[in-house]
Protein backbone atom coordinates (compact mmCIF):
# COMPACT_ATOMS: atom_id res chain seq x y z
CA MET A 1 38.69 -15.46 23.33
CA SER A 2 40.25 -12.48 25.01
CA MET A 3 39.73 -12.19 28.74
CA ASN A 4 39.20 -8.43 28.66
CA LYS A 5 36.15 -8.44 26.42
CA GLY A 6 34.64 -11.41 28.21
CA LEU A 7 32.90 -14.29 26.49
CA LYS A 8 30.00 -14.37 24.10
CA ILE A 9 27.83 -17.47 24.39
CA VAL A 10 24.90 -18.17 22.08
CA THR A 11 22.16 -20.64 23.07
CA ILE A 12 20.01 -21.85 20.19
CA GLY A 13 16.69 -23.05 21.53
CA GLY A 14 16.94 -20.32 24.16
CA GLY A 15 13.21 -20.48 24.91
CA SER A 16 13.66 -23.97 26.40
CA SER A 17 12.44 -24.61 29.94
CA TYR A 18 16.01 -25.75 30.72
CA THR A 19 17.58 -22.34 30.01
CA PRO A 20 17.24 -21.05 33.63
CA GLU A 21 19.42 -23.95 34.79
CA PHE A 22 22.09 -23.02 32.22
CA VAL A 23 21.91 -19.36 33.30
CA GLU A 24 22.31 -20.43 36.94
CA GLY A 25 25.36 -22.52 35.94
CA LEU A 26 26.96 -19.51 34.23
CA ILE A 27 26.20 -17.20 37.18
CA ASN A 28 27.75 -19.68 39.63
CA ARG A 29 30.93 -19.90 37.54
CA TYR A 30 31.24 -16.21 36.68
CA ASP A 31 34.67 -15.92 38.36
CA GLU A 32 36.20 -18.52 36.06
CA LEU A 33 33.92 -18.00 33.08
CA PRO A 34 33.37 -14.26 32.47
CA VAL A 35 30.36 -14.38 30.15
CA ARG A 36 29.59 -10.78 29.17
CA GLU A 37 26.97 -11.61 26.53
CA LEU A 38 24.49 -14.47 26.52
CA TRP A 39 22.35 -14.57 23.39
CA LEU A 40 19.18 -16.63 23.62
CA VAL A 41 17.96 -17.49 20.12
CA ASP A 42 14.72 -19.14 19.08
CA ILE A 43 12.40 -19.46 16.10
CA PRO A 44 9.36 -17.17 15.63
CA ALA A 45 7.02 -19.95 16.85
CA GLY A 46 8.94 -19.94 20.16
CA LYS A 47 8.88 -16.15 20.61
CA GLU A 48 6.52 -16.08 23.60
CA LYS A 49 8.50 -18.73 25.50
CA LEU A 50 11.77 -16.97 24.61
CA GLU A 51 10.48 -13.71 26.09
CA ILE A 52 9.28 -15.41 29.30
CA VAL A 53 12.58 -17.27 29.77
CA GLY A 54 14.60 -14.20 28.74
CA SER A 55 12.90 -12.01 31.37
CA LEU A 56 13.54 -14.62 34.07
CA ALA A 57 17.20 -14.88 32.95
CA ARG A 58 17.54 -11.08 33.24
CA ARG A 59 16.04 -11.13 36.74
CA MET A 60 18.43 -13.92 37.76
CA VAL A 61 21.47 -12.05 36.43
CA SER A 62 20.38 -8.81 38.07
CA LYS A 63 19.82 -10.56 41.43
CA ALA A 64 23.27 -12.16 41.19
CA GLY A 65 24.83 -8.80 40.33
CA VAL A 66 27.04 -10.13 37.52
CA PRO A 67 27.76 -7.95 34.44
CA MET A 68 26.21 -10.37 31.95
CA THR A 69 23.91 -8.95 29.28
CA ILE A 70 21.08 -11.15 28.05
CA HIS A 71 20.13 -10.63 24.39
CA LEU A 72 17.04 -12.22 22.84
CA ALA A 73 17.01 -12.91 19.11
CA LEU A 74 14.86 -14.57 16.48
CA ASP A 75 17.66 -14.06 13.94
CA ARG A 76 20.49 -16.57 14.21
CA GLU A 77 22.87 -14.62 11.97
CA GLU A 78 23.01 -11.58 14.21
CA ALA A 79 23.49 -13.71 17.33
CA LEU A 80 26.27 -15.99 15.99
CA LYS A 81 28.66 -13.29 14.84
CA ASP A 82 31.97 -13.63 16.76
CA ALA A 83 30.55 -16.05 19.34
CA ASP A 84 33.03 -18.02 21.50
CA PHE A 85 30.68 -20.92 22.32
CA VAL A 86 27.36 -21.95 20.79
CA THR A 87 25.07 -24.33 22.64
CA THR A 88 22.18 -26.07 20.90
CA GLN A 89 19.17 -27.37 22.85
CA MET A 90 16.32 -27.52 20.41
CA ARG A 91 13.31 -29.68 19.74
CA VAL A 92 12.38 -29.46 16.06
CA GLY A 93 8.58 -29.74 15.96
CA GLN A 94 8.39 -29.08 19.71
CA LEU A 95 6.68 -31.42 22.18
CA LYS A 96 3.84 -32.05 19.75
CA ALA A 97 6.32 -33.92 17.54
CA ARG A 98 7.69 -35.87 20.51
CA ILE A 99 4.18 -37.09 21.37
CA GLN A 100 3.93 -38.57 17.84
CA ASP A 101 7.43 -40.10 18.10
CA GLU A 102 6.42 -41.89 21.28
CA ARG A 103 2.83 -42.84 20.44
CA LEU A 104 3.09 -44.09 16.86
CA PRO A 105 5.62 -46.91 17.42
CA ILE A 106 3.42 -48.18 20.30
CA LYS A 107 0.45 -48.18 17.93
CA TYR A 108 2.44 -50.69 15.80
CA GLY A 109 3.31 -52.76 18.88
CA MET A 110 6.86 -51.46 19.36
CA ILE A 111 8.60 -49.33 21.99
CA GLY A 112 8.10 -45.59 21.56
CA GLN A 113 11.08 -43.58 22.81
CA GLU A 114 12.33 -40.16 21.86
CA THR A 115 16.01 -41.07 21.37
CA ASN A 116 15.78 -44.63 20.12
CA GLY A 117 13.82 -47.00 17.90
CA GLY A 118 11.41 -45.51 15.35
CA GLY A 119 10.73 -42.36 17.40
CA GLY A 120 14.43 -41.67 17.96
CA LEU A 121 15.08 -42.09 14.25
CA PHE A 122 12.49 -39.43 13.44
CA LYS A 123 13.77 -37.04 16.04
CA GLY A 124 17.17 -37.41 14.35
CA LEU A 125 15.77 -36.95 10.83
CA ARG A 126 14.10 -33.67 11.84
CA THR A 127 17.06 -32.37 13.85
CA ILE A 128 20.19 -33.26 11.85
CA PRO A 129 19.53 -30.97 8.83
CA VAL A 130 18.90 -27.99 11.16
CA LEU A 131 22.10 -28.61 13.14
CA LEU A 132 24.13 -28.99 9.96
CA GLU A 133 22.81 -25.57 8.85
CA ILE A 134 23.81 -24.07 12.20
CA ALA A 135 27.30 -25.59 11.87
CA GLU A 136 27.56 -24.06 8.39
CA ASP A 137 26.55 -20.63 9.73
CA MET A 138 29.17 -20.98 12.48
CA GLN A 139 31.85 -21.81 9.92
CA ARG A 140 31.06 -18.43 8.32
CA LEU A 141 30.26 -16.22 11.34
CA CYS A 142 32.30 -17.66 14.24
CA PRO A 143 34.69 -20.29 12.83
CA ASP A 144 36.68 -20.57 16.09
CA ALA A 145 33.64 -21.17 18.29
CA TRP A 146 32.89 -24.55 19.86
CA LEU A 147 29.49 -26.08 19.18
CA ILE A 148 28.24 -27.74 22.37
CA ASN A 149 25.19 -29.82 21.47
CA PHE A 150 22.65 -31.14 24.01
CA THR A 151 19.96 -31.79 21.44
CA ASN A 152 18.82 -35.42 21.41
CA PRO A 153 19.40 -37.96 19.99
CA ALA A 154 22.87 -36.63 20.87
CA GLY A 155 24.79 -39.66 19.58
CA MET A 156 23.18 -39.62 16.16
CA VAL A 157 23.36 -35.82 15.92
CA THR A 158 27.05 -35.74 16.89
CA GLU A 159 27.72 -38.57 14.40
CA ALA A 160 26.13 -36.47 11.63
CA LEU A 161 28.00 -33.30 12.59
CA LEU A 162 31.37 -35.10 12.70
CA ARG A 163 30.78 -36.81 9.33
CA TYR A 164 28.97 -34.19 7.27
CA SER A 165 29.98 -30.79 8.59
CA LYS A 166 33.15 -28.78 7.93
CA HIS A 167 32.93 -27.35 11.43
CA SER A 168 35.04 -29.77 13.46
CA LYS A 169 34.80 -28.05 16.86
CA VAL A 170 31.83 -30.12 17.99
CA VAL A 171 31.08 -31.75 21.35
CA GLY A 172 27.93 -33.64 22.34
CA VAL A 173 26.87 -33.34 25.96
CA CYS A 174 24.50 -35.52 27.97
CA ASN A 175 23.46 -35.33 31.61
CA LEU A 176 23.29 -39.11 32.05
CA PRO A 177 26.94 -39.72 33.11
CA ILE A 178 26.72 -36.94 35.74
CA ASN A 179 23.38 -38.32 36.97
CA THR A 180 24.83 -41.83 37.18
CA LYS A 181 27.85 -40.62 39.12
CA MET A 182 25.67 -38.71 41.61
CA THR A 183 23.33 -41.68 42.07
CA ILE A 184 26.21 -44.10 42.64
CA ALA A 185 27.82 -41.73 45.15
CA ARG A 186 24.47 -41.64 46.96
CA LEU A 187 24.14 -45.45 46.91
CA LEU A 188 27.64 -45.77 48.39
CA GLY A 189 27.15 -42.92 50.84
CA VAL A 190 30.29 -41.10 49.67
CA GLU A 191 31.14 -37.66 48.27
CA VAL A 192 30.55 -37.28 44.52
CA ALA A 193 34.07 -35.87 44.11
CA SER A 194 35.64 -39.13 45.36
CA VAL A 195 33.85 -41.25 42.71
CA ASP A 196 35.32 -41.94 39.28
CA ILE A 197 33.52 -44.00 36.65
CA ARG A 198 35.25 -45.26 33.51
CA PHE A 199 32.49 -44.64 30.98
CA ALA A 200 32.55 -45.96 27.42
CA GLY A 201 30.03 -46.63 24.67
CA LEU A 202 27.58 -44.40 22.85
CA ASN A 203 25.07 -41.80 23.95
CA HIS A 204 22.24 -43.45 25.93
CA MET A 205 24.19 -46.67 25.39
CA VAL A 206 27.12 -45.96 27.71
CA TYR A 207 28.50 -48.45 30.22
CA GLY A 208 30.50 -47.94 33.41
CA LEU A 209 33.45 -50.28 32.88
CA ASP A 210 34.78 -49.59 36.36
CA VAL A 211 33.95 -47.47 39.43
CA THR A 212 36.53 -46.30 41.91
CA VAL A 213 36.25 -44.41 45.18
CA ASP A 214 39.48 -42.58 45.99
CA GLY A 215 41.23 -44.77 43.43
CA VAL A 216 39.99 -48.14 44.77
CA SER A 217 37.64 -50.22 42.58
CA VAL A 218 34.17 -50.79 44.06
CA LEU A 219 32.60 -52.18 40.86
CA ASP A 220 31.38 -55.45 42.46
CA GLU A 221 29.82 -53.59 45.37
CA VAL A 222 28.00 -51.18 43.02
CA LEU A 223 26.69 -54.03 40.85
CA GLU A 224 25.39 -55.72 43.98
CA LEU A 225 23.70 -52.52 45.17
CA MET A 226 22.16 -52.03 41.73
CA GLY A 227 20.68 -55.52 41.88
CA ASP A 228 18.82 -54.50 45.04
CA GLU A 229 15.26 -53.65 44.07
CA ASP A 230 15.14 -50.56 46.31
CA LYS A 231 18.29 -49.01 44.87
CA GLN A 232 17.61 -48.71 41.16
CA LEU A 233 19.52 -46.33 38.90
CA SER A 234 17.05 -44.60 36.67
CA MET A 235 16.18 -41.29 35.07
CA LYS A 236 13.00 -39.29 35.52
CA ASN A 237 11.91 -40.38 32.04
CA ILE A 238 12.51 -44.14 32.37
CA ALA A 239 10.53 -46.65 34.44
CA PRO A 240 12.80 -47.87 37.29
CA LEU A 241 12.29 -51.57 36.54
CA PRO A 242 14.65 -53.57 38.79
CA TRP A 243 17.64 -55.33 37.23
CA ASN A 244 18.10 -59.05 37.76
CA PRO A 245 21.06 -59.36 40.21
CA ASP A 246 22.51 -62.47 38.49
CA PHE A 247 22.34 -60.74 35.10
CA LEU A 248 24.17 -57.66 36.43
CA LYS A 249 26.86 -59.78 38.03
CA ALA A 250 27.40 -61.68 34.78
CA LEU A 251 27.37 -58.47 32.70
CA GLY A 252 30.20 -57.21 34.89
CA VAL A 253 29.79 -53.55 33.91
CA ILE A 254 27.26 -50.90 34.87
CA PRO A 255 24.42 -50.45 32.38
CA CYS A 256 22.78 -47.04 32.01
CA PRO A 257 19.03 -46.48 32.57
CA TYR A 258 18.35 -46.55 28.80
CA HIS A 259 19.68 -50.12 28.59
CA ARG A 260 16.36 -51.20 30.05
CA TYR A 261 14.89 -50.68 26.59
CA PHE A 262 17.20 -53.42 25.28
CA TYR A 263 17.50 -55.79 28.22
CA LYS A 264 13.87 -55.45 29.41
CA THR A 265 12.12 -54.86 26.12
CA SER A 266 8.95 -56.85 26.80
CA GLU A 267 8.30 -55.35 30.26
CA ILE A 268 8.81 -51.80 28.98
CA LEU A 269 6.59 -52.45 25.99
CA GLU A 270 3.87 -53.84 28.27
CA LYS A 271 4.08 -50.73 30.45
CA GLN A 272 3.98 -48.45 27.40
CA LEU A 273 0.95 -50.22 25.96
CA GLU A 274 -0.90 -49.51 29.23
CA GLU A 275 0.19 -45.86 29.18
CA PHE A 276 -0.83 -45.62 25.53
CA LYS A 277 -4.40 -46.62 26.40
CA THR A 278 -4.62 -44.01 29.16
CA GLY A 279 -2.89 -41.33 27.06
CA THR A 280 -0.04 -40.72 29.51
CA THR A 281 3.13 -41.20 27.49
CA ARG A 282 6.24 -39.49 28.86
CA ALA A 283 5.83 -36.70 26.29
CA GLU A 284 2.38 -35.88 27.66
CA VAL A 285 3.71 -35.82 31.24
CA VAL A 286 6.50 -33.50 30.08
CA GLN A 287 3.98 -31.25 28.31
CA ARG A 288 2.18 -30.74 31.63
CA LEU A 289 5.43 -30.11 33.54
CA GLU A 290 6.46 -27.67 30.83
CA ASP A 291 3.18 -25.72 31.08
CA GLU A 292 3.56 -25.52 34.87
CA LEU A 293 7.17 -24.32 34.58
CA PHE A 294 6.26 -21.55 32.15
CA GLU A 295 3.47 -20.40 34.48
CA LEU A 296 6.10 -20.14 37.24
CA TYR A 297 8.58 -18.39 34.95
CA LYS A 298 6.01 -15.68 34.17
CA ASN A 299 5.98 -14.57 37.81
CA GLU A 300 7.75 -11.19 37.92
CA ASP A 301 8.98 -11.90 41.48
CA LEU A 302 10.77 -15.12 40.51
CA ASP A 303 14.52 -14.47 40.21
CA VAL A 304 16.03 -17.94 40.77
CA LYS A 305 15.71 -21.31 39.02
CA PRO A 306 12.59 -23.01 40.45
CA SER A 307 13.11 -26.41 42.09
CA GLN A 308 10.39 -28.00 39.91
CA LEU A 309 12.86 -28.01 37.01
CA GLN A 310 14.51 -31.07 38.60
CA GLU A 311 11.41 -33.08 37.63
CA ARG A 312 12.42 -32.93 34.00
CA GLY A 313 14.68 -35.71 32.69
CA GLY A 314 17.46 -33.22 31.97
CA ALA A 315 18.38 -32.26 35.52
CA TYR A 316 22.14 -31.39 35.81
CA TYR A 317 22.57 -30.98 32.09
CA SER A 318 23.67 -27.38 32.66
CA ASP A 319 26.43 -28.62 34.94
CA ALA A 320 27.63 -30.85 32.13
CA ALA A 321 27.42 -27.94 29.69
CA CYS A 322 29.06 -25.30 31.87
CA ASN A 323 31.81 -27.73 32.92
CA VAL A 324 32.87 -28.44 29.36
CA ILE A 325 32.79 -24.74 28.38
CA SER A 326 34.81 -23.74 31.45
CA SER A 327 37.36 -26.54 30.97
CA ILE A 328 37.98 -25.57 27.33
CA PHE A 329 38.17 -21.87 28.19
CA ASN A 330 40.44 -22.40 31.21
CA ASP A 331 42.45 -25.30 29.72
CA LYS A 332 41.69 -27.36 32.85
CA GLY A 333 42.74 -30.81 31.67
CA ASP A 334 40.07 -32.47 33.83
CA VAL A 335 38.12 -35.61 32.90
CA GLN A 336 34.54 -35.43 31.59
CA THR A 337 32.30 -37.91 29.76
CA LEU A 338 31.45 -36.46 26.35
CA ASN A 339 30.34 -37.35 22.82
CA VAL A 340 33.36 -36.82 20.61
CA ARG A 341 35.19 -38.20 17.59
CA ASN A 342 36.39 -41.71 18.49
CA ASP A 343 39.97 -41.27 17.23
CA GLY A 344 40.95 -44.80 18.22
CA SER A 345 39.48 -44.70 21.72
CA ILE A 346 37.13 -47.70 21.28
CA THR A 347 38.55 -50.48 19.09
CA GLY A 348 36.35 -51.45 16.15
CA ILE A 349 34.55 -48.10 15.75
CA PRO A 350 35.77 -45.79 12.93
CA ASP A 351 37.89 -42.83 14.01
CA GLU A 352 35.44 -40.30 12.57
CA SER A 353 32.41 -41.77 14.39
CA ALA A 354 30.94 -40.32 17.57
CA VAL A 355 31.43 -42.20 20.84
CA GLU A 356 30.62 -41.30 24.45
CA VAL A 357 33.76 -41.75 26.52
CA ASN A 358 35.80 -40.09 29.24
CA CYS A 359 37.89 -37.28 27.78
CA ILE A 360 40.61 -34.95 29.02
CA VAL A 361 39.30 -31.45 28.32
CA THR A 362 41.87 -28.85 27.26
CA LYS A 363 41.78 -25.57 25.36
CA GLU A 364 42.17 -27.68 22.20
CA GLY A 365 38.89 -29.39 23.14
CA PRO A 366 38.16 -32.84 24.60
CA LYS A 367 40.68 -35.63 23.94
CA PRO A 368 39.14 -39.11 24.30
CA ILE A 369 40.91 -41.49 26.70
CA HIS A 370 41.96 -44.82 25.16
CA ILE A 371 39.54 -47.63 26.06
CA GLY A 372 40.49 -50.43 23.64
CA GLU A 373 38.14 -53.39 23.20
CA LEU A 374 34.75 -53.23 24.89
CA PRO A 375 33.78 -56.39 26.80
CA VAL A 376 32.33 -59.08 24.49
CA ALA A 377 28.98 -58.97 26.33
CA VAL A 378 28.34 -55.34 25.37
CA SER A 379 30.32 -54.63 22.21
CA GLY A 380 27.74 -56.23 19.87
CA LEU A 381 24.87 -54.05 21.06
CA VAL A 382 27.08 -50.95 20.87
CA GLN A 383 28.03 -51.87 17.27
CA GLN A 384 24.38 -52.43 16.33
CA ILE A 385 23.35 -49.01 17.67
CA LYS A 386 26.33 -47.42 15.92
CA SER A 387 25.14 -48.97 12.61
CA PHE A 388 21.71 -47.49 13.34
CA GLU A 389 23.15 -44.02 14.06
CA ARG A 390 25.32 -44.00 10.95
CA THR A 391 22.54 -45.19 8.65
CA ALA A 392 20.10 -42.70 10.23
CA ALA A 393 22.55 -39.82 9.77
CA GLU A 394 22.99 -40.82 6.11
CA ALA A 395 19.19 -40.92 5.67
CA ALA A 396 18.84 -37.46 7.25
CA VAL A 397 21.44 -35.95 4.94
CA SER A 398 20.28 -37.68 1.74
CA GLY A 399 16.52 -37.68 2.33
CA SER A 400 16.54 -41.32 1.16
CA TYR A 401 13.39 -43.30 1.98
CA GLU A 402 15.27 -46.61 1.62
CA LYS A 403 18.02 -45.52 4.02
CA ALA A 404 15.40 -44.40 6.55
CA LEU A 405 13.65 -47.77 6.28
CA LEU A 406 16.99 -49.56 6.68
CA ALA A 407 17.96 -47.48 9.74
CA MET A 408 14.60 -48.13 11.35
CA THR A 409 14.68 -51.88 10.71
CA ILE A 410 18.24 -52.47 12.00
CA ASN A 411 17.37 -50.85 15.31
CA PRO A 412 16.80 -53.65 17.85
CA LEU A 413 13.63 -51.97 19.19
CA VAL A 414 11.95 -52.29 15.78
CA THR A 415 10.71 -55.84 15.45
CA SER A 416 10.37 -56.38 11.68
CA ASP A 417 10.75 -54.75 8.29
CA SER A 418 7.05 -55.24 7.57
CA ARG A 419 6.12 -53.32 10.75
CA ALA A 420 8.79 -50.71 10.09
CA LYS A 421 7.38 -49.69 6.70
CA PRO A 422 3.85 -48.54 7.76
CA LEU A 423 5.40 -46.86 10.82
CA LEU A 424 7.92 -45.06 8.60
CA ASP A 425 5.14 -43.94 6.24
CA GLU A 426 2.96 -42.62 9.03
CA LEU A 427 5.83 -40.80 10.76
CA LEU A 428 6.92 -39.26 7.43
CA ASP A 429 3.39 -38.02 6.98
CA VAL A 430 2.79 -36.55 10.48
CA HIS A 431 6.20 -34.82 10.51
CA ARG A 432 5.89 -33.68 6.88
CA GLU A 433 6.62 -29.98 7.51
CA PHE A 434 9.89 -30.79 9.33
CA LEU A 435 11.21 -33.24 6.71
CA PRO A 436 11.55 -31.14 3.54
CA SER A 437 14.31 -33.28 1.99
CA PHE A 438 12.13 -36.43 2.09
CA HIS A 439 9.02 -34.75 0.77
CA ALA A 440 10.73 -32.78 -1.98
CA LYS A 441 11.74 -36.15 -3.44
CA SER A 442 8.34 -37.82 -3.12
CA THR A 443 6.61 -35.02 -5.04
CA LEU A 444 9.07 -35.47 -7.92
CA LEU A 445 8.34 -39.20 -8.28
């Protein structure tokens, strides 16, 4: 990474509707992060979207007057050569696959969610083999580059990369900790910069163990505010069902919005069954938002990120991404919440497993801060989801039907092995073209 030539960043899944936010993040940080080349890479099926997003990115860069060249590519090899950072933000099977992930579990009377339960498992099974191939290409074409992954399910994907890939420079990024921090600052009426949250757990299963404002703990106050029905922490993609104040007080740590799936399972399922009947799952809402965004992006006069992008569940993810890239490049030593190798941070989780914890980010990459034991009330659920992620990653790599069935059944959102099996069979069938390792085996039987 020599300063004089500037940086080369490659974004795989460059035709994503989120790309303009990432481009804006790079433009805003140009003084500290001199990106000379940004390569946006996609697959042939995403060519039209890539060209629309690429043209908007070029207009944004030209308006900002920064010397960053935008390259569009359908060939990963050409793009990856000598890259400094590679970001991955893909959706294998596109939104059509997400609709199946969310609808089919509901059909069997279980929660449908794109990063957890049966749907999350399938998103992982489709995604992990592709990311492992990318990591292998990086090992060959840009061995010193950092792989910054935002692709969900980020915990399971990072777990697979850390366990099964030779490329060890891997960081998983999620926008949830940043969102939580901003929401809590808003609840307290203080500046975001004065708030620190001690995050620990797994991706979409992370807890705030403490919150301080200017170094003073305000955890009790935040838990009380969160128990107030009008002040719910949620994400755009999760129903803001209010938490029970007594439960929060007893829990003693801050749950994340995704914990509603585990602590409010029946209410969420009820809501999803209603949505299922009317055909308005989150994936279908996103599909409409996506279509609207691309219509906006086509406008030749648009040269900034449109505000409608905030309506997607991934708002602020580019901040998370650009922050980690800049901190590694500039050796900042600041604290960020990232998905990394545990290395002893959380007691009871293997060193080589992925965890989501606060890290000190240096030019050597993120170093997880020591957490120790998680509180008894939350460590069991974290362990159960970690078993799910590990078994799912093993299923993705081996193409084993039995491992996939096991992963699905040990997830707490899947209610029985006898319901898991027909769901597994139907998901394997609808996602057939994106699961070659499973289907190669079944034809040999």
